[in-house]
PDB file of all heavy atoms in Angstrom:
ATOM      1  N   PRO A   1      61.108 -49.698  30.648  1.00  0.00           N
ATOM      2  CA  PRO A   1      61.356 -50.545  31.844  1.00  0.00           C
ATOM      3  C   PRO A   1      62.600 -50.062  32.509  1.00  0.00           C
ATOM      4  O   PRO A   1      63.548 -49.442  31.950  1.00  0.00           O
ATOM      5  CB  PRO A   1      61.522 -51.932  31.341  1.00  0.00           C
ATOM      6  CG  PRO A   1      61.922 -51.709  29.918  1.00  0.00           C
ATOM      7  CD  PRO A   1      61.380 -50.516  29.437  1.00  0.00           C
ATOM      8  N   ASN A   2      62.721 -50.394  33.797  1.00  0.00           N
ATOM      9  CA  ASN A   2      63.921 -50.131  34.624  1.00  0.00           C
ATOM     10  C   ASN A   2      65.030 -51.140  34.150  1.00  0.00           C
ATOM     11  O   ASN A   2      64.872 -52.288  34.381  1.00  0.00           O
ATOM     12  CB  ASN A   2      63.602 -50.185  36.074  1.00  0.00           C
ATOM     13  CG  ASN A   2      64.801 -49.790  36.959  1.00  0.00           C
ATOM     14  OD1 ASN A   2      65.641 -49.091  36.511  1.00  0.00           O
ATOM     15  ND2 ASN A   2      64.880 -50.237  38.185  1.00  0.00           N
ATOM     16  N   GLN A   3      66.121 -50.673  33.695  1.00  0.00           N
ATOM     17  CA  GLN A   3      67.197 -51.425  33.232  1.00  0.00           C
ATOM     18  C   GLN A   3      68.465 -50.718  33.285  1.00  0.00           C
ATOM     19  O   GLN A   3      68.504 -49.478  33.244  1.00  0.00           O
ATOM     20  CB  GLN A   3      66.937 -51.957  31.779  1.00  0.00           C
ATOM     21  CG  GLN A   3      66.805 -50.879  30.732  1.00  0.00           C
ATOM     22  CD  GLN A   3      66.556 -51.415  29.332  1.00  0.00           C
ATOM     23  OE1 GLN A   3      66.718 -52.546  29.102  1.00  0.00           O
ATOM     24  NE2 GLN A   3      66.128 -50.507  28.482  1.00  0.00           N
ATOM     25  N   LYS A   4      69.569 -51.463  33.248  1.00  0.00           N
ATOM     26  CA  LYS A   4      70.920 -50.764  33.253  1.00  0.00           C
ATOM     27  C   LYS A   4      71.130 -50.325  31.832  1.00  0.00           C
ATOM     28  O   LYS A   4      71.180 -51.099  30.898  1.00  0.00           O
ATOM     29  CB  LYS A   4      72.081 -51.802  33.644  1.00  0.00           C
ATOM     30  CG  LYS A   4      73.378 -51.204  33.665  1.00  0.00           C
ATOM     31  CD  LYS A   4      74.455 -52.220  34.034  1.00  0.00           C
ATOM     32  CE  LYS A   4      75.814 -51.601  34.151  1.00  0.00           C
ATOM     33  NZ  LYS A   4      76.303 -50.809  32.949  1.00  0.00           N
ATOM     34  N   ASP A   5      71.308 -48.960  31.689  1.00  0.00           N
ATOM     35  CA  ASP A   5      71.354 -48.473  30.340  1.00  0.00           C
ATOM     36  C   ASP A   5      72.382 -47.303  30.233  1.00  0.00           C
ATOM     37  O   ASP A   5      72.219 -46.550  29.353  1.00  0.00           O
ATOM     38  CB  ASP A   5      69.966 -47.958  29.981  1.00  0.00           C
ATOM     39  CG  ASP A   5      69.467 -46.772  30.894  1.00  0.00           C
ATOM     40  OD1 ASP A   5      70.129 -46.567  31.899  1.00  0.00           O
ATOM     41  OD2 ASP A   5      68.507 -46.188  30.592  1.00  0.00           O
ATOM     42  N   ASP A   6      73.325 -47.325  31.025  1.00  0.00           N
ATOM     43  CA  ASP A   6      74.310 -46.202  31.065  1.00  0.00           C
ATOM     44  C   ASP A   6      75.713 -46.636  31.318  1.00  0.00           C
ATOM     45  O   ASP A   6      75.956 -47.272  32.359  1.00  0.00           O
ATOM     46  CB  ASP A   6      73.902 -45.092  32.007  1.00  0.00           C
ATOM     47  CG  ASP A   6      74.406 -43.735  31.649  1.00  0.00           C
ATOM     48  OD1 ASP A   6      75.502 -43.687  31.014  1.00  0.00           O
ATOM     49  OD2 ASP A   6      73.740 -42.746  31.907  1.00  0.00           O
ATOM     50  N   ASN A   7      76.602 -46.475  30.360  1.00  0.00           N
ATOM     51  CA  ASN A   7      77.976 -46.867  30.500  1.00  0.00           C
ATOM     52  C   ASN A   7      78.918 -45.676  31.024  1.00  0.00           C
ATOM     53  O   ASN A   7      80.013 -45.838  31.106  1.00  0.00           O
ATOM     54  CB  ASN A   7      78.603 -47.474  29.309  1.00  0.00           C
ATOM     55  CG  ASN A   7      77.851 -48.700  28.830  1.00  0.00           C
ATOM     56  OD1 ASN A   7      77.449 -49.444  29.635  1.00  0.00           O
ATOM     57  ND2 ASN A   7      77.593 -48.798  27.544  1.00  0.00           N
ATOM     58  N   VAL A   8      78.315 -44.501  31.189  1.00  0.00           N
ATOM     59  CA  VAL A   8      79.115 -43.368  31.572  1.00  0.00           C
ATOM     60  C   VAL A   8      78.984 -43.020  33.037  1.00  0.00           C
ATOM     61  O   VAL A   8      80.021 -43.168  33.808  1.00  0.00           O
ATOM     62  CB  VAL A   8      78.565 -42.107  30.742  1.00  0.00           C
ATOM     63  CG1 VAL A   8      79.501 -40.933  30.985  1.00  0.00           C
ATOM     64  CG2 VAL A   8      78.681 -42.478  29.267  1.00  0.00           C
ATOM     65  N   ILE A   9      77.792 -42.614  33.501  1.00  0.00           N
ATOM     66  CA  ILE A   9      77.621 -42.411  34.926  1.00  0.00           C
ATOM     67  C   ILE A   9      76.753 -43.551  35.456  1.00  0.00           C
ATOM     68  O   ILE A   9      75.638 -43.633  35.060  1.00  0.00           O
ATOM     69  CB  ILE A   9      76.991 -41.103  35.232  1.00  0.00           C
ATOM     70  CG1 ILE A   9      77.966 -39.946  34.888  1.00  0.00           C
ATOM     71  CG2 ILE A   9      76.564 -41.015  36.691  1.00  0.00           C
ATOM     72  CD1 ILE A   9      79.102 -39.854  35.925  1.00  0.00           C
ATOM     73  N   PRO A  10      77.216 -44.428  36.350  1.00  0.00           N
ATOM     74  CA  PRO A  10      76.408 -45.513  36.842  1.00  0.00           C
ATOM     75  C   PRO A  10      75.352 -45.051  37.796  1.00  0.00           C
ATOM     76  O   PRO A  10      75.396 -43.925  38.414  1.00  0.00           O
ATOM     77  CB  PRO A  10      77.416 -46.381  37.565  1.00  0.00           C
ATOM     78  CG  PRO A  10      78.505 -45.413  38.042  1.00  0.00           C
ATOM     79  CD  PRO A  10      78.618 -44.423  36.932  1.00  0.00           C
ATOM     80  N   ALA A  11      74.327 -45.869  38.020  1.00  0.00           N
ATOM     81  CA  ALA A  11      73.280 -45.583  38.954  1.00  0.00           C
ATOM     82  C   ALA A  11      73.935 -45.767  40.354  1.00  0.00           C
ATOM     83  O   ALA A  11      74.873 -46.442  40.591  1.00  0.00           O
ATOM     84  CB  ALA A  11      72.092 -46.530  38.810  1.00  0.00           C
ATOM     85  N   VAL A  12      73.233 -45.099  41.367  1.00  0.00           N
ATOM     86  CA  VAL A  12      73.722 -45.184  42.759  1.00  0.00           C
ATOM     87  C   VAL A  12      73.675 -46.611  43.190  1.00  0.00           C
ATOM     88  O   VAL A  12      74.656 -47.091  43.895  1.00  0.00           O
ATOM     89  CB  VAL A  12      72.846 -44.324  43.665  1.00  0.00           C
ATOM     90  CG1 VAL A  12      73.262 -44.512  45.184  1.00  0.00           C
ATOM     91  CG2 VAL A  12      73.068 -42.766  43.304  1.00  0.00           C
ATOM     92  N   SER A  13      72.736 -47.406  42.771  1.00  0.00           N
ATOM     93  CA  SER A  13      72.665 -48.829  43.138  1.00  0.00           C
ATOM     94  C   SER A  13      73.779 -49.673  42.685  1.00  0.00           C
ATOM     95  O   SER A  13      74.063 -50.732  43.182  1.00  0.00           O
ATOM     96  CB  SER A  13      71.339 -49.372  42.714  1.00  0.00           C
ATOM     97  OG  SER A  13      71.182 -49.292  41.308  1.00  0.00           O
ATOM     98  N   GLU A  14      74.439 -49.126  41.620  1.00  0.00           N
ATOM     99  CA  GLU A  14      75.564 -49.955  41.030  1.00  0.00           C
ATOM    100  C   GLU A  14      76.902 -49.636  41.596  1.00  0.00           C
ATOM    101  O   GLU A  14      77.925 -50.315  41.410  1.00  0.00           O
ATOM    102  CB  GLU A  14      75.607 -49.647  39.566  1.00  0.00           C
ATOM    103  CG  GLU A  14      74.384 -50.137  38.863  1.00  0.00           C
ATOM    104  CD  GLU A  14      74.357 -49.624  37.328  1.00  0.00           C
ATOM    105  OE1 GLU A  14      75.410 -49.044  36.997  1.00  0.00           O
ATOM    106  OE2 GLU A  14      73.345 -49.731  36.646  1.00  0.00           O
ATOM    107  N   ILE A  15      77.017 -48.500  42.477  1.00  0.00           N
ATOM    108  CA  ILE A  15      78.278 -48.189  43.046  1.00  0.00           C
ATOM    109  C   ILE A  15      78.868 -49.203  43.895  1.00  0.00           C
ATOM    110  O   ILE A  15      80.062 -49.481  43.820  1.00  0.00           O
ATOM    111  CB  ILE A  15      78.128 -46.804  43.799  1.00  0.00           C
ATOM    112  CG1 ILE A  15      77.718 -45.742  42.785  1.00  0.00           C
ATOM    113  CG2 ILE A  15      79.362 -46.514  44.556  1.00  0.00           C
ATOM    114  CD1 ILE A  15      77.499 -44.381  43.477  1.00  0.00           C
ATOM    115  N   PRO A  16      78.146 -49.902  44.781  1.00  0.00           N
ATOM    116  CA  PRO A  16      78.763 -50.960  45.666  1.00  0.00           C
ATOM    117  C   PRO A  16      79.397 -52.079  44.759  1.00  0.00           C
ATOM    118  O   PRO A  16      80.515 -52.521  45.093  1.00  0.00           O
ATOM    119  CB  PRO A  16      77.596 -51.490  46.435  1.00  0.00           C
ATOM    120  CG  PRO A  16      76.612 -50.389  46.553  1.00  0.00           C
ATOM    121  CD  PRO A  16      76.746 -49.704  45.236  1.00  0.00           C
ATOM    122  N   SER A  17      78.734 -52.398  43.718  1.00  0.00           N
ATOM    123  CA  SER A  17      79.336 -53.504  42.861  1.00  0.00           C
ATOM    124  C   SER A  17      80.580 -53.023  42.179  1.00  0.00           C
ATOM    125  O   SER A  17      81.558 -53.803  41.965  1.00  0.00           O
ATOM    126  CB  SER A  17      78.317 -54.025  41.878  1.00  0.00           C
ATOM    127  OG  SER A  17      77.949 -52.995  40.966  1.00  0.00           O
ATOM    128  N   LEU A  18      80.619 -51.758  41.844  1.00  0.00           N
ATOM    129  CA  LEU A  18      81.786 -51.164  41.154  1.00  0.00           C
ATOM    130  C   LEU A  18      82.978 -51.106  42.189  1.00  0.00           C
ATOM    131  O   LEU A  18      84.070 -51.491  41.794  1.00  0.00           O
ATOM    132  CB  LEU A  18      81.533 -49.774  40.662  1.00  0.00           C
ATOM    133  CG  LEU A  18      80.583 -49.603  39.437  1.00  0.00           C
ATOM    134  CD1 LEU A  18      80.355 -48.098  39.094  1.00  0.00           C
ATOM    135  CD2 LEU A  18      81.253 -50.255  38.256  1.00  0.00           C
ATOM    136  N   LEU A  19      82.674 -50.759  43.336  1.00  0.00           N
ATOM    137  CA  LEU A  19      83.716 -50.745  44.413  1.00  0.00           C
ATOM    138  C   LEU A  19      84.243 -52.157  44.680  1.00  0.00           C
ATOM    139  O   LEU A  19      85.512 -52.341  44.885  1.00  0.00           O
ATOM    140  CB  LEU A  19      83.239 -50.066  45.712  1.00  0.00           C
ATOM    141  CG  LEU A  19      82.889 -48.571  45.551  1.00  0.00           C
ATOM    142  CD1 LEU A  19      82.276 -48.139  46.944  1.00  0.00           C
ATOM    143  CD2 LEU A  19      84.070 -47.750  45.143  1.00  0.00           C
ATOM    144  N   THR A  20      83.325 -53.150  44.709  1.00  0.00           N
ATOM    145  CA  THR A  20      83.741 -54.493  44.928  1.00  0.00           C
ATOM    146  C   THR A  20      84.688 -54.978  43.753  1.00  0.00           C
ATOM    147  O   THR A  20      85.622 -55.727  44.008  1.00  0.00           O
ATOM    148  CB  THR A  20      82.566 -55.412  45.006  1.00  0.00           C
ATOM    149  OG1 THR A  20      81.711 -54.949  46.093  1.00  0.00           O
ATOM    150  CG2 THR A  20      82.915 -56.889  45.305  1.00  0.00           C
ATOM    151  N   SER A  21      84.308 -54.623  42.578  1.00  0.00           N
ATOM    152  CA  SER A  21      85.126 -55.001  41.389  1.00  0.00           C
ATOM    153  C   SER A  21      86.616 -54.517  41.481  1.00  0.00           C
ATOM    154  O   SER A  21      87.490 -55.199  41.036  1.00  0.00           O
ATOM    155  CB  SER A  21      84.457 -54.588  40.099  1.00  0.00           C
ATOM    156  OG  SER A  21      84.506 -53.222  39.936  1.00  0.00           O
ATOM    157  N   PHE A  22      86.684 -53.273  42.008  1.00  0.00           N
ATOM    158  CA  PHE A  22      88.073 -52.808  42.202  1.00  0.00           C
ATOM    159  C   PHE A  22      88.851 -53.454  43.350  1.00  0.00           C
ATOM    160  O   PHE A  22      90.061 -53.595  43.369  1.00  0.00           O
ATOM    161  CB  PHE A  22      88.070 -51.260  42.377  1.00  0.00           C
ATOM    162  CG  PHE A  22      87.878 -50.551  41.100  1.00  0.00           C
ATOM    163  CD1 PHE A  22      86.633 -49.960  40.852  1.00  0.00           C
ATOM    164  CD2 PHE A  22      88.805 -50.444  40.165  1.00  0.00           C
ATOM    165  CE1 PHE A  22      86.357 -49.237  39.653  1.00  0.00           C
ATOM    166  CE2 PHE A  22      88.573 -49.706  38.963  1.00  0.00           C
ATOM    167  CZ  PHE A  22      87.337 -49.205  38.653  1.00  0.00           C
ATOM    168  N   ARG A  23      88.059 -53.867  44.348  1.00  0.00           N
ATOM    169  CA  ARG A  23      88.718 -54.562  45.525  1.00  0.00           C
ATOM    170  C   ARG A  23      89.175 -55.979  45.099  1.00  0.00           C
ATOM    171  O   ARG A  23      90.140 -56.512  45.654  1.00  0.00           O
ATOM    172  CB  ARG A  23      87.814 -54.566  46.760  1.00  0.00           C
ATOM    173  CG  ARG A  23      87.621 -53.292  47.345  1.00  0.00           C
ATOM    174  CD  ARG A  23      87.064 -53.448  48.796  1.00  0.00           C
ATOM    175  NE  ARG A  23      85.799 -54.086  48.767  1.00  0.00           N
ATOM    176  CZ  ARG A  23      84.641 -53.531  48.732  1.00  0.00           C
ATOM    177  NH1 ARG A  23      84.576 -52.184  48.690  1.00  0.00           N
ATOM    178  NH2 ARG A  23      83.515 -54.150  48.776  1.00  0.00           N
ATOM    179  N   HIS A  24      88.402 -56.579  44.166  1.00  0.00           N
ATOM    180  CA  HIS A  24      88.647 -57.936  43.795  1.00  0.00           C
ATOM    181  C   HIS A  24      88.731 -57.951  42.310  1.00  0.00           C
ATOM    182  O   HIS A  24      87.890 -58.612  41.645  1.00  0.00           O
ATOM    183  CB  HIS A  24      87.646 -58.905  44.285  1.00  0.00           C
ATOM    184  CG  HIS A  24      87.316 -58.771  45.796  1.00  0.00           C
ATOM    185  ND1 HIS A  24      88.242 -59.327  46.775  1.00  0.00           N
ATOM    186  CD2 HIS A  24      86.387 -58.163  46.431  1.00  0.00           C
ATOM    187  CE1 HIS A  24      87.680 -59.074  47.934  1.00  0.00           C
ATOM    188  NE2 HIS A  24      86.588 -58.412  47.810  1.00  0.00           N
ATOM    189  N   PRO A  25      89.828 -57.394  41.667  1.00  0.00           N
ATOM    190  CA  PRO A  25      89.880 -57.323  40.255  1.00  0.00           C
ATOM    191  C   PRO A  25      90.042 -58.654  39.560  1.00  0.00           C
ATOM    192  O   PRO A  25      89.625 -58.856  38.442  1.00  0.00           O
ATOM    193  CB  PRO A  25      91.086 -56.444  39.936  1.00  0.00           C
ATOM    194  CG  PRO A  25      91.935 -56.568  41.184  1.00  0.00           C
ATOM    195  CD  PRO A  25      90.946 -56.700  42.317  1.00  0.00           C
ATOM    196  N   ARG A  26      90.685 -59.644  40.193  1.00  0.00           N
ATOM    197  CA  ARG A  26      90.787 -61.012  39.549  1.00  0.00           C
ATOM    198  C   ARG A  26      89.526 -61.591  39.375  1.00  0.00           C
ATOM    199  O   ARG A  26      89.320 -62.320  38.366  1.00  0.00           O
ATOM    200  CB  ARG A  26      91.734 -61.841  40.503  1.00  0.00           C
ATOM    201  CG  ARG A  26      93.181 -61.379  40.476  1.00  0.00           C
ATOM    202  CD  ARG A  26      94.007 -62.305  41.338  1.00  0.00           C
ATOM    203  NE  ARG A  26      95.385 -61.833  41.431  1.00  0.00           N
ATOM    204  CZ  ARG A  26      96.392 -62.286  40.580  1.00  0.00           C
ATOM    205  NH1 ARG A  26      96.046 -63.136  39.619  1.00  0.00           N
ATOM    206  NH2 ARG A  26      97.615 -61.853  40.731  1.00  0.00           N
ATOM    207  N   ARG A  27      88.566 -61.457  40.300  1.00  0.00           N
ATOM    208  CA  ARG A  27      87.242 -62.064  40.132  1.00  0.00           C
ATOM    209  C   ARG A  27      86.433 -61.241  39.165  1.00  0.00           C
ATOM    210  O   ARG A  27      85.471 -61.794  38.537  1.00  0.00           O
ATOM    211  CB  ARG A  27      86.535 -62.182  41.499  1.00  0.00           C
ATOM    212  CG  ARG A  27      87.219 -63.094  42.450  1.00  0.00           C
ATOM    213  CD  ARG A  27      86.251 -63.650  43.496  1.00  0.00           C
ATOM    214  NE  ARG A  27      85.608 -62.575  44.225  1.00  0.00           N
ATOM    215  CZ  ARG A  27      86.007 -62.175  45.406  1.00  0.00           C
ATOM    216  NH1 ARG A  27      87.051 -62.816  46.035  1.00  0.00           N
ATOM    217  NH2 ARG A  27      85.423 -61.218  46.124  1.00  0.00           N
ATOM    218  N   SER A  28      86.647 -59.948  39.090  1.00  0.00           N
ATOM    219  CA  SER A  28      85.804 -59.083  38.302  1.00  0.00           C
ATOM    220  C   SER A  28      86.115 -59.138  36.796  1.00  0.00           C
ATOM    221  O   SER A  28      85.255 -58.930  35.936  1.00  0.00           O
ATOM    222  CB  SER A  28      85.862 -57.586  38.777  1.00  0.00           C
ATOM    223  OG  SER A  28      85.431 -57.550  40.135  1.00  0.00           O
ATOM    224  N   ARG A  29      87.394 -59.361  36.494  1.00  0.00           N
ATOM    225  CA  ARG A  29      87.765 -59.432  35.100  1.00  0.00           C
ATOM    226  C   ARG A  29      87.236 -60.660  34.476  1.00  0.00           C
ATOM    227  O   ARG A  29      86.990 -61.751  35.119  1.00  0.00           O
ATOM    228  CB  ARG A  29      89.261 -59.260  34.892  1.00  0.00           C
ATOM    229  CG  ARG A  29      90.017 -60.501  35.342  1.00  0.00           C
ATOM    230  CD  ARG A  29      91.501 -60.422  34.924  1.00  0.00           C
ATOM    231  NE  ARG A  29      92.178 -61.655  35.116  1.00  0.00           N
ATOM    232  CZ  ARG A  29      93.060 -61.879  36.095  1.00  0.00           C
ATOM    233  NH1 ARG A  29      93.465 -60.776  36.808  1.00  0.00           N
ATOM    234  NH2 ARG A  29      93.673 -63.025  36.225  1.00  0.00           N
ATOM    235  N   SER A  30      87.099 -60.619  33.186  1.00  0.00           N
ATOM    236  CA  SER A  30      86.592 -61.818  32.483  1.00  0.00           C
ATOM    237  C   SER A  30      87.541 -62.088  31.359  1.00  0.00           C
ATOM    238  O   SER A  30      88.039 -61.105  30.710  1.00  0.00           O
ATOM    239  CB  SER A  30      85.114 -61.644  31.980  1.00  0.00           C
ATOM    240  OG  SER A  30      85.099 -60.606  30.998  1.00  0.00           O
ATOM    241  N   VAL A  31      87.735 -63.358  31.005  1.00  0.00           N
ATOM    242  CA  VAL A  31      88.516 -63.783  29.813  1.00  0.00           C
ATOM    243  C   VAL A  31      87.631 -64.553  28.996  1.00  0.00           C
ATOM    244  O   VAL A  31      87.146 -65.654  29.330  1.00  0.00           O
ATOM    245  CB  VAL A  31      89.757 -64.646  30.327  1.00  0.00           C
ATOM    246  CG1 VAL A  31      90.631 -64.934  29.116  1.00  0.00           C
ATOM    247  CG2 VAL A  31      90.581 -63.860  31.310  1.00  0.00           C
ATOM    248  N   SER A  32      87.421 -64.078  27.815  1.00  0.00           N
ATOM    249  CA  SER A  32      86.523 -64.713  26.845  1.00  0.00           C
ATOM    250  C   SER A  32      87.166 -65.070  25.582  1.00  0.00           C
ATOM    251  O   SER A  32      88.156 -64.387  25.116  1.00  0.00           O
ATOM    252  CB  SER A  32      85.365 -63.746  26.578  1.00  0.00           C
ATOM    253  OG  SER A  32      85.753 -62.570  26.026  1.00  0.00           O
ATOM    254  N   VAL A  33      86.670 -66.204  24.955  1.00  0.00           N
ATOM    255  CA  VAL A  33      87.136 -66.572  23.663  1.00  0.00           C
ATOM    256  C   VAL A  33      85.943 -66.908  22.792  1.00  0.00           C
ATOM    257  O   VAL A  33      85.060 -67.626  23.281  1.00  0.00           O
ATOM    258  CB  VAL A  33      88.136 -67.847  23.767  1.00  0.00           C
ATOM    259  CG1 VAL A  33      88.571 -68.278  22.406  1.00  0.00           C
ATOM    260  CG2 VAL A  33      89.264 -67.595  24.684  1.00  0.00           C
ATOM    261  N   GLY A  34      85.937 -66.410  21.609  1.00  0.00           N
ATOM    262  CA  GLY A  34      84.804 -66.747  20.723  1.00  0.00           C
ATOM    263  C   GLY A  34      84.080 -65.326  20.464  1.00  0.00           C
ATOM    264  O   GLY A  34      84.297 -64.368  21.006  1.00  0.00           O
ATOM    265  N   PRO A  35      83.099 -65.479  19.452  1.00  0.00           N
ATOM    266  CA  PRO A  35      82.321 -64.263  19.139  1.00  0.00           C
ATOM    267  C   PRO A  35      81.569 -63.700  20.274  1.00  0.00           C
ATOM    268  O   PRO A  35      80.927 -64.415  21.116  1.00  0.00           O
ATOM    269  CB  PRO A  35      81.327 -64.724  18.043  1.00  0.00           C
ATOM    270  CG  PRO A  35      82.100 -65.997  17.465  1.00  0.00           C
ATOM    271  CD  PRO A  35      82.814 -66.627  18.647  1.00  0.00           C
ATOM    272  N   GLN A  36      81.516 -62.411  20.431  1.00  0.00           N
ATOM    273  CA  GLN A  36      80.829 -61.744  21.546  1.00  0.00           C
ATOM    274  C   GLN A  36      79.808 -60.755  21.094  1.00  0.00           C
ATOM    275  O   GLN A  36      78.949 -60.311  21.861  1.00  0.00           O
ATOM    276  CB  GLN A  36      81.800 -61.108  22.432  1.00  0.00           C
ATOM    277  CG  GLN A  36      82.698 -61.980  23.199  1.00  0.00           C
ATOM    278  CD  GLN A  36      83.860 -61.152  24.007  1.00  0.00           C
ATOM    279  OE1 GLN A  36      84.815 -60.826  23.511  1.00  0.00           O
ATOM    280  NE2 GLN A  36      83.468 -60.892  25.247  1.00  0.00           N
ATOM    281  N   SER A  37      79.866 -60.322  19.869  1.00  0.00           N
ATOM    282  CA  SER A  37      78.905 -59.372  19.311  1.00  0.00           C
ATOM    283  C   SER A  37      78.513 -59.733  17.926  1.00  0.00           C
ATOM    284  O   SER A  37      79.016 -60.698  17.353  1.00  0.00           O
ATOM    285  CB  SER A  37      79.620 -58.029  19.257  1.00  0.00           C
ATOM    286  OG  SER A  37      80.666 -58.000  18.249  1.00  0.00           O
ATOM    287  N   GLU A  38      77.578 -59.023  17.386  1.00  0.00           N
ATOM    288  CA  GLU A  38      77.111 -59.290  15.978  1.00  0.00           C
ATOM    289  C   GLU A  38      78.219 -59.183  15.029  1.00  0.00           C
ATOM    290  O   GLU A  38      78.346 -59.954  14.092  1.00  0.00           O
ATOM    291  CB  GLU A  38      75.923 -58.420  15.605  1.00  0.00           C
ATOM    292  CG  GLU A  38      74.622 -58.735  16.396  1.00  0.00           C
ATOM    293  CD  GLU A  38      73.446 -57.895  15.925  1.00  0.00           C
ATOM    294  OE1 GLU A  38      73.549 -57.283  14.805  1.00  0.00           O
ATOM    295  OE2 GLU A  38      72.457 -57.760  16.609  1.00  0.00           O
ATOM    296  N   ALA A  39      78.989 -58.110  15.155  1.00  0.00           N
ATOM    297  CA  ALA A  39      80.182 -57.879  14.293  1.00  0.00           C
ATOM    298  C   ALA A  39      81.129 -59.069  14.368  1.00  0.00           C
ATOM    299  O   ALA A  39      81.683 -59.492  13.321  1.00  0.00           O
ATOM    300  CB  ALA A  39      80.902 -56.588  14.632  1.00  0.00           C
ATOM    301  N   ASP A  40      81.391 -59.648  15.564  1.00  0.00           N
ATOM    302  CA  ASP A  40      82.257 -60.784  15.709  1.00  0.00           C
ATOM    303  C   ASP A  40      81.625 -62.012  14.960  1.00  0.00           C
ATOM    304  O   ASP A  40      82.290 -62.782  14.261  1.00  0.00           O
ATOM    305  CB  ASP A  40      82.348 -61.216  17.164  1.00  0.00           C
ATOM    306  CG  ASP A  40      83.297 -60.336  17.915  1.00  0.00           C
ATOM    307  OD1 ASP A  40      84.059 -59.545  17.257  1.00  0.00           O
ATOM    308  OD2 ASP A  40      83.220 -60.227  19.189  1.00  0.00           O
ATOM    309  N   ALA A  41      80.296 -62.187  15.095  1.00  0.00           N
ATOM    310  CA  ALA A  41      79.596 -63.323  14.428  1.00  0.00           C
ATOM    311  C   ALA A  41      79.750 -63.163  13.008  1.00  0.00           C
ATOM    312  O   ALA A  41      79.918 -64.261  12.295  1.00  0.00           O
ATOM    313  CB  ALA A  41      78.190 -63.303  14.869  1.00  0.00           C
ATOM    314  N   TYR A  42      79.548 -62.059  12.367  1.00  0.00           N
ATOM    315  CA  TYR A  42      79.641 -61.944  10.886  1.00  0.00           C
ATOM    316  C   TYR A  42      81.102 -62.143  10.431  1.00  0.00           C
ATOM    317  O   TYR A  42      81.263 -62.680   9.402  1.00  0.00           O
ATOM    318  CB  TYR A  42      79.217 -60.509  10.460  1.00  0.00           C
ATOM    319  CG  TYR A  42      77.708 -60.367  10.640  1.00  0.00           C
ATOM    320  CD1 TYR A  42      77.174 -59.325  11.415  1.00  0.00           C
ATOM    321  CD2 TYR A  42      76.847 -61.214  10.087  1.00  0.00           C
ATOM    322  CE1 TYR A  42      75.786 -59.179  11.563  1.00  0.00           C
ATOM    323  CE2 TYR A  42      75.498 -61.073  10.255  1.00  0.00           C
ATOM    324  CZ  TYR A  42      74.941 -60.077  10.941  1.00  0.00           C
ATOM    325  OH  TYR A  42      73.541 -59.935  11.119  1.00  0.00           O
ATOM    326  N   GLU A  43      82.071 -61.758  11.243  1.00  0.00           N
ATOM    327  CA  GLU A  43      83.435 -62.086  10.894  1.00  0.00           C
ATOM    328  C   GLU A  43      83.572 -63.621  10.928  1.00  0.00           C
ATOM    329  O   GLU A  43      84.389 -64.138  10.059  1.00  0.00           O
ATOM    330  CB  GLU A  43      84.420 -61.438  11.944  1.00  0.00           C
ATOM    331  CG  GLU A  43      84.840 -60.017  11.560  1.00  0.00           C
ATOM    332  CD  GLU A  43      85.603 -60.059  10.230  1.00  0.00           C
ATOM    333  OE1 GLU A  43      86.827 -60.276  10.206  1.00  0.00           O
ATOM    334  OE2 GLU A  43      84.937 -59.750   9.216  1.00  0.00           O
ATOM    335  N   THR A  44      83.065 -64.280  11.870  1.00  0.00           N
ATOM    336  CA  THR A  44      83.157 -65.703  11.928  1.00  0.00           C
ATOM    337  C   THR A  44      82.609 -66.378  10.621  1.00  0.00           C
ATOM    338  O   THR A  44      83.113 -67.304  10.084  1.00  0.00           O
ATOM    339  CB  THR A  44      82.479 -66.274  13.183  1.00  0.00           C
ATOM    340  OG1 THR A  44      83.110 -65.718  14.332  1.00  0.00           O
ATOM    341  CG2 THR A  44      82.533 -67.740  13.201  1.00  0.00           C
TER     342      THR A  44
END
């Protein structure tokens, strides 16, 4: 299926959102607390 699957070179359709994230970094960054991955969960 068509899905976001690349963390190295983004798709052309993703470029506008990347540019927006750099123009508004405060909104684009996330602050999280708690387990986020399976490795985190097993540590918990």
